[in-house]
N, C-alpha and C. Protein backbone atom coordinates (compact mmCIF):
# COMPACT_ATOMS: atom_id res chain seq x y z
N MET A 1 108.15 75.76 97.01
CA MET A 1 106.97 76.34 97.62
C MET A 1 106.27 77.20 96.58
N THR A 2 104.96 77.16 96.60
CA THR A 2 104.22 77.88 95.57
C THR A 2 103.81 79.28 95.99
N GLU A 3 103.78 79.57 97.29
CA GLU A 3 103.41 80.92 97.68
C GLU A 3 104.59 81.86 97.46
N PRO A 4 104.31 83.13 97.19
CA PRO A 4 105.40 84.07 96.93
C PRO A 4 106.12 84.46 98.22
N PHE A 5 107.38 84.82 98.07
CA PHE A 5 108.20 85.32 99.17
C PHE A 5 108.55 86.77 98.85
N PHE A 6 108.16 87.68 99.72
CA PHE A 6 108.37 89.11 99.49
C PHE A 6 109.57 89.60 100.29
N ILE A 7 110.40 90.38 99.65
CA ILE A 7 111.52 91.04 100.31
C ILE A 7 111.22 92.53 100.25
N ILE A 8 111.09 93.13 101.42
CA ILE A 8 110.61 94.51 101.51
C ILE A 8 111.71 95.42 102.04
N ASN A 9 112.00 96.47 101.29
CA ASN A 9 112.96 97.48 101.71
C ASN A 9 112.16 98.62 102.35
N PRO A 10 112.21 98.75 103.69
CA PRO A 10 111.41 99.76 104.37
C PRO A 10 111.87 101.19 104.07
N ASN A 11 113.06 101.35 103.55
CA ASN A 11 113.58 102.68 103.25
C ASN A 11 113.17 103.18 101.87
N ALA A 12 112.53 102.31 101.09
CA ALA A 12 112.12 102.70 99.74
C ALA A 12 111.06 103.80 99.80
N ASN A 13 111.00 104.55 98.73
CA ASN A 13 110.04 105.65 98.61
C ASN A 13 110.19 106.61 99.79
N THR A 14 111.44 107.00 100.05
CA THR A 14 111.78 107.93 101.13
C THR A 14 111.25 107.46 102.48
N GLY A 15 111.30 106.16 102.72
CA GLY A 15 110.89 105.59 104.00
C GLY A 15 109.40 105.35 104.13
N ARG A 16 108.63 105.68 103.11
CA ARG A 16 107.18 105.51 103.20
C ARG A 16 106.76 104.03 103.27
N ILE A 17 107.56 103.16 102.65
CA ILE A 17 107.22 101.73 102.71
C ILE A 17 107.27 101.26 104.16
N GLY A 18 108.32 101.59 104.87
CA GLY A 18 108.44 101.18 106.27
C GLY A 18 107.39 101.81 107.16
N LYS A 19 107.11 103.09 106.95
CA LYS A 19 106.12 103.80 107.77
C LYS A 19 104.71 103.24 107.56
N ASN A 20 104.45 102.69 106.40
CA ASN A 20 103.12 102.17 106.07
C ASN A 20 103.15 100.66 105.82
N LEU A 21 104.07 99.97 106.47
CA LEU A 21 104.27 98.54 106.21
C LEU A 21 103.00 97.73 106.41
N GLU A 22 102.26 97.96 107.47
CA GLU A 22 101.04 97.18 107.72
C GLU A 22 100.02 97.38 106.59
N TYR A 23 99.94 98.58 106.07
CA TYR A 23 99.04 98.87 104.95
C TYR A 23 99.44 98.04 103.73
N TYR A 24 100.73 98.05 103.40
CA TYR A 24 101.21 97.30 102.23
C TYR A 24 101.06 95.79 102.43
N LEU A 25 101.30 95.31 103.64
CA LEU A 25 101.12 93.88 103.91
C LEU A 25 99.66 93.48 103.72
N GLY A 26 98.75 94.36 104.08
CA GLY A 26 97.33 94.10 103.87
C GLY A 26 96.98 93.99 102.39
N ILE A 27 97.54 94.87 101.59
CA ILE A 27 97.31 94.83 100.14
C ILE A 27 97.85 93.52 99.57
N ILE A 28 99.07 93.15 99.98
CA ILE A 28 99.67 91.90 99.49
C ILE A 28 98.79 90.72 99.87
N LYS A 29 98.33 90.67 101.12
CA LYS A 29 97.49 89.56 101.57
C LYS A 29 96.19 89.50 100.76
N ASN A 30 95.59 90.65 100.47
CA ASN A 30 94.36 90.67 99.68
C ASN A 30 94.56 90.10 98.28
N HIS A 31 95.73 90.32 97.72
CA HIS A 31 95.99 89.88 96.35
C HIS A 31 96.56 88.47 96.26
N PHE A 32 97.36 88.08 97.24
CA PHE A 32 98.08 86.81 97.15
C PHE A 32 97.65 85.76 98.17
N GLY A 33 96.91 86.16 99.18
CA GLY A 33 96.56 85.21 100.23
C GLY A 33 97.78 84.90 101.06
N SER A 34 98.14 83.64 101.13
CA SER A 34 99.28 83.20 101.93
C SER A 34 100.60 83.65 101.31
N PHE A 35 101.48 84.21 102.12
CA PHE A 35 102.80 84.62 101.65
C PHE A 35 103.74 84.76 102.84
N GLU A 36 105.01 84.74 102.55
CA GLU A 36 106.05 84.99 103.56
C GLU A 36 106.78 86.26 103.15
N TYR A 37 107.39 86.91 104.12
CA TYR A 37 108.16 88.11 103.80
C TYR A 37 109.26 88.35 104.84
N ARG A 38 110.22 89.11 104.43
CA ARG A 38 111.27 89.61 105.32
C ARG A 38 111.53 91.07 104.95
N VAL A 39 111.92 91.83 105.96
CA VAL A 39 112.22 93.25 105.77
C VAL A 39 113.73 93.42 105.85
N THR A 40 114.29 94.15 104.89
CA THR A 40 115.73 94.39 104.90
C THR A 40 116.10 95.29 106.07
N GLN A 41 117.33 95.09 106.57
CA GLN A 41 117.78 95.86 107.72
C GLN A 41 119.05 96.66 107.45
N PHE A 42 119.71 96.37 106.34
CA PHE A 42 120.94 97.08 106.01
C PHE A 42 121.17 96.98 104.50
N PRO A 43 122.07 97.80 103.94
CA PRO A 43 122.31 97.77 102.49
C PRO A 43 122.68 96.36 102.01
N ARG A 44 122.10 95.95 100.91
CA ARG A 44 122.32 94.67 100.23
C ARG A 44 121.82 93.47 101.04
N HIS A 45 121.11 93.69 102.10
CA HIS A 45 120.54 92.61 102.90
C HIS A 45 119.58 91.77 102.06
N GLU A 46 118.98 92.40 101.05
CA GLU A 46 118.04 91.69 100.19
C GLU A 46 118.68 90.50 99.49
N VAL A 47 119.97 90.58 99.20
CA VAL A 47 120.68 89.47 98.54
C VAL A 47 120.74 88.27 99.48
N GLU A 48 121.12 88.50 100.71
CA GLU A 48 121.19 87.43 101.72
C GLU A 48 119.81 86.81 101.94
N ILE A 49 118.79 87.66 102.06
CA ILE A 49 117.43 87.17 102.28
C ILE A 49 116.97 86.33 101.09
N ALA A 50 117.22 86.81 99.87
CA ALA A 50 116.79 86.08 98.67
C ALA A 50 117.48 84.73 98.56
N LYS A 51 118.76 84.69 98.84
CA LYS A 51 119.49 83.41 98.77
C LYS A 51 118.92 82.41 99.77
N LYS A 52 118.61 82.86 100.98
CA LYS A 52 118.03 81.96 101.98
C LYS A 52 116.65 81.48 101.54
N ALA A 53 115.87 82.37 100.96
CA ALA A 53 114.53 81.98 100.48
C ALA A 53 114.64 80.93 99.37
N ILE A 54 115.59 81.11 98.48
CA ILE A 54 115.82 80.14 97.40
C ILE A 54 116.22 78.79 97.99
N GLU A 55 117.13 78.83 98.97
CA GLU A 55 117.57 77.59 99.62
C GLU A 55 116.40 76.88 100.30
N GLN A 56 115.43 77.64 100.78
CA GLN A 56 114.27 77.06 101.45
C GLN A 56 113.23 76.55 100.46
N GLY A 57 113.47 76.79 99.17
CA GLY A 57 112.57 76.23 98.16
C GLY A 57 111.57 77.19 97.56
N TYR A 58 111.65 78.46 97.89
CA TYR A 58 110.72 79.42 97.30
C TYR A 58 111.04 79.60 95.82
N LYS A 59 110.00 79.58 95.01
CA LYS A 59 110.15 79.72 93.56
C LYS A 59 109.84 81.13 93.09
N TYR A 60 109.09 81.88 93.88
CA TYR A 60 108.65 83.22 93.48
C TYR A 60 109.11 84.23 94.51
N ILE A 61 110.08 85.04 94.13
CA ILE A 61 110.63 86.08 94.98
C ILE A 61 110.13 87.42 94.44
N VAL A 62 109.52 88.22 95.30
CA VAL A 62 109.00 89.52 94.89
C VAL A 62 109.72 90.61 95.67
N ALA A 63 110.32 91.55 94.95
CA ALA A 63 111.03 92.66 95.58
C ALA A 63 110.09 93.85 95.72
N VAL A 64 110.02 94.41 96.93
CA VAL A 64 109.25 95.61 97.18
C VAL A 64 110.24 96.66 97.64
N GLY A 65 110.56 97.55 96.75
CA GLY A 65 111.54 98.59 97.05
C GLY A 65 111.87 99.36 95.80
N GLY A 66 113.00 99.99 95.84
CA GLY A 66 113.43 100.77 94.69
C GLY A 66 114.24 99.96 93.70
N ASP A 67 114.82 100.67 92.75
CA ASP A 67 115.61 100.03 91.70
C ASP A 67 116.74 99.18 92.26
N GLY A 68 117.39 99.65 93.30
CA GLY A 68 118.51 98.90 93.87
C GLY A 68 118.08 97.57 94.45
N THR A 69 116.96 97.55 95.14
CA THR A 69 116.45 96.31 95.72
C THR A 69 116.21 95.28 94.63
N GLU A 70 115.50 95.70 93.59
CA GLU A 70 115.17 94.77 92.50
C GLU A 70 116.41 94.33 91.75
N THR A 71 117.30 95.27 91.47
CA THR A 71 118.52 94.93 90.73
C THR A 71 119.39 93.96 91.51
N ASN A 72 119.56 94.21 92.79
CA ASN A 72 120.41 93.33 93.61
C ASN A 72 119.86 91.91 93.67
N ILE A 73 118.56 91.77 93.78
CA ILE A 73 117.97 90.44 93.80
C ILE A 73 118.07 89.80 92.41
N GLY A 74 117.81 90.58 91.39
CA GLY A 74 117.88 90.07 90.02
C GLY A 74 119.27 89.67 89.59
N ASP A 75 120.29 90.23 90.23
CA ASP A 75 121.67 89.93 89.88
C ASP A 75 122.22 88.66 90.53
N ILE A 76 121.40 87.98 91.35
CA ILE A 76 121.87 86.73 91.95
C ILE A 76 122.11 85.75 90.80
N PRO A 77 123.28 85.15 90.73
CA PRO A 77 123.59 84.25 89.61
C PRO A 77 122.59 83.11 89.47
N VAL A 78 122.22 82.82 88.24
CA VAL A 78 121.29 81.72 87.97
C VAL A 78 121.84 80.42 88.52
N SER A 79 123.17 80.26 88.48
CA SER A 79 123.76 79.03 88.99
C SER A 79 123.46 78.85 90.47
N TYR A 80 123.26 79.94 91.19
CA TYR A 80 122.94 79.83 92.61
C TYR A 80 121.55 79.24 92.81
N THR A 81 120.65 79.53 91.89
CA THR A 81 119.27 79.09 92.06
C THR A 81 119.09 77.63 91.66
N HIS A 82 120.15 76.97 91.19
CA HIS A 82 120.10 75.56 90.84
C HIS A 82 119.12 75.26 89.72
N LEU A 83 118.99 76.20 88.79
CA LEU A 83 118.07 75.99 87.66
C LEU A 83 118.76 75.24 86.56
């Protein structure tokens, strides 16, 4: 799939991402047009979400959160992505 898939940690930036989620989704839509997203619900949930997105064929995964969110997604083994 060519549209980006966003993984959003609502607890990032001291919870401001979650409190202003609709605002951020509007910004993303203005810049990217069509996109899919999921919001994390528990620690390391971003890994599970990213793996499912990869299995569904998404090529572009975008992490919206803090260092942990990005690092956890980035640490998914390349072998998992079937590259």
